[in-house]
C-alpha cells in the first residue's frame, strides 16, 4: 500500500511540467545579448512589417486627424448665406 502511494507520488512529480528550469530574471549581459539579437533580426525585416507591428502593438505614435481651419471670411459668408436661406425659406444644400 505504501509502495503504491510512493509510486504515484513519484510519477506525479516526474510527470508534472517543470517550470523552474528557466530563471525568473536575466542579468544585464543576458538582457543586452537578447536585445542585440532582436535588433539584428529587426534590421533584416521589411520596414512595412515593422510599421504594421508597431501599429498593432500601439507603440507607433498616432497622428491626430488634422482639422481644417476655415478662414473667417468664408465662415461669415456661410453664416450669412445660411441666414438668408432661412429667411427666404430655401432649403440648405450640403
Protein backbone atom coordinates (compact mmCIF):
# COMPACT_ATOMS: atom_id res chain seq x y z
CA UNK A 1 0.00 0.00 0.00
CA UNK A 2 2.76 2.44 0.91
CA UNK A 3 4.69 1.43 -2.21
CA UNK A 4 1.70 2.32 -4.37
CA UNK A 5 1.32 5.72 -2.71
CA UNK A 6 5.05 6.43 -3.08
CA UNK A 7 4.98 5.26 -6.69
CA UNK A 8 2.05 7.54 -7.56
CA UNK A 9 3.72 10.47 -5.78
CA UNK A 10 6.92 9.80 -7.72
CA UNK A 11 5.07 9.52 -11.01
CA UNK A 12 3.16 12.77 -10.45
CA UNK A 13 6.31 14.68 -9.58
CA UNK A 14 8.13 13.35 -12.64
CA UNK A 15 5.17 13.81 -14.97
CA UNK A 16 4.45 17.38 -13.86
CA UNK A 17 5.88 20.06 -16.14
CA UNK A 18 8.95 21.69 -14.74
CA UNK A 19 8.56 25.45 -14.82
CA UNK A 20 11.57 26.09 -12.63
CA UNK A 21 14.26 25.39 -15.21
CA UNK A 22 14.18 28.97 -16.52
CA UNK A 23 15.32 31.70 -14.19
CA UNK A 24 12.68 34.33 -13.48
CA UNK A 25 15.12 37.13 -14.22
CA UNK A 26 18.02 37.83 -16.56
CA UNK A 27 21.17 39.64 -15.60
CA UNK A 28 22.35 42.69 -17.56
CA UNK A 29 24.63 40.89 -20.08
CA UNK A 30 21.85 38.43 -20.92
CA UNK A 31 19.41 41.29 -21.47
CA UNK A 32 21.91 43.06 -23.73
CA UNK A 33 22.59 39.90 -25.77
CA UNK A 34 18.89 39.20 -26.17
CA UNK A 35 18.18 42.83 -27.16
CA UNK A 36 21.07 42.68 -29.65
CA UNK A 37 19.65 39.52 -31.24
CA UNK A 38 16.22 41.10 -31.57
CA UNK A 39 17.71 44.30 -33.00
CA UNK A 40 19.67 42.38 -35.62
CA UNK A 41 16.56 40.44 -36.58
CA UNK A 42 14.52 43.63 -36.92
CA UNK A 43 17.21 45.25 -39.08
CA UNK A 44 16.79 42.42 -41.58
CA UNK A 45 13.00 42.70 -41.56
CA UNK A 46 10.97 44.64 -44.13
CA UNK A 47 10.15 48.17 -42.87
CA UNK A 48 6.50 47.73 -43.82
CA UNK A 49 6.28 44.75 -41.48
CA UNK A 50 7.88 46.77 -38.68
CA UNK A 51 5.41 49.61 -39.18
CA UNK A 52 2.49 47.21 -39.03
CA UNK A 53 3.85 45.54 -35.88
CA UNK A 54 4.33 48.91 -34.20
CA UNK A 55 0.80 49.93 -35.20
CA UNK A 56 -0.73 46.70 -33.88
CA UNK A 57 1.18 46.93 -30.61
CA UNK A 58 0.09 50.58 -30.33
CA UNK A 59 3.71 51.65 -29.96
CA UNK A 60 3.71 53.89 -33.01
CA UNK A 61 2.70 57.48 -32.44
CA UNK A 62 -0.74 58.10 -33.86
CA UNK A 63 -1.11 61.37 -35.65
CA UNK A 64 -4.40 63.08 -34.81
CA UNK A 65 -6.65 63.96 -37.70
CA UNK A 66 -5.96 67.43 -38.99
CA UNK A 67 -8.78 69.87 -38.52
CA UNK A 68 -9.35 72.20 -41.40
CA UNK A 69 -9.32 75.79 -40.34
CA UNK A 70 -11.70 77.85 -42.35
CA UNK A 71 -10.90 81.47 -43.00
CA UNK A 72 -13.09 83.90 -41.13
CA UNK A 73 -14.44 85.41 -44.34
CA UNK A 74 -15.63 82.02 -45.52
CA UNK A 75 -17.30 81.18 -42.21
CA UNK A 76 -19.01 84.59 -42.17
CA UNK A 77 -20.20 84.10 -45.77
CA UNK A 78 -21.56 80.66 -44.88
CA UNK A 79 -23.33 82.09 -41.86
CA UNK A 80 -24.77 84.93 -43.92
CA UNK A 81 -25.94 82.61 -46.69
CA UNK A 82 -27.47 80.21 -44.17
CA UNK A 83 -29.33 83.07 -42.54
CA UNK A 84 -30.61 84.36 -45.88
CA UNK A 85 -31.71 80.86 -46.91
CA UNK A 86 -33.59 80.53 -43.63
CA UNK A 87 -35.32 83.88 -44.09
CA UNK A 88 -36.24 83.05 -47.68
CA UNK A 89 -37.41 79.53 -46.84
CA UNK A 90 -34.89 77.95 -49.24
CA UNK A 91 -33.59 74.55 -48.09
CA UNK A 92 -29.83 74.35 -47.47
CA UNK A 93 -27.77 72.37 -49.91
CA UNK A 94 -24.87 70.50 -48.33
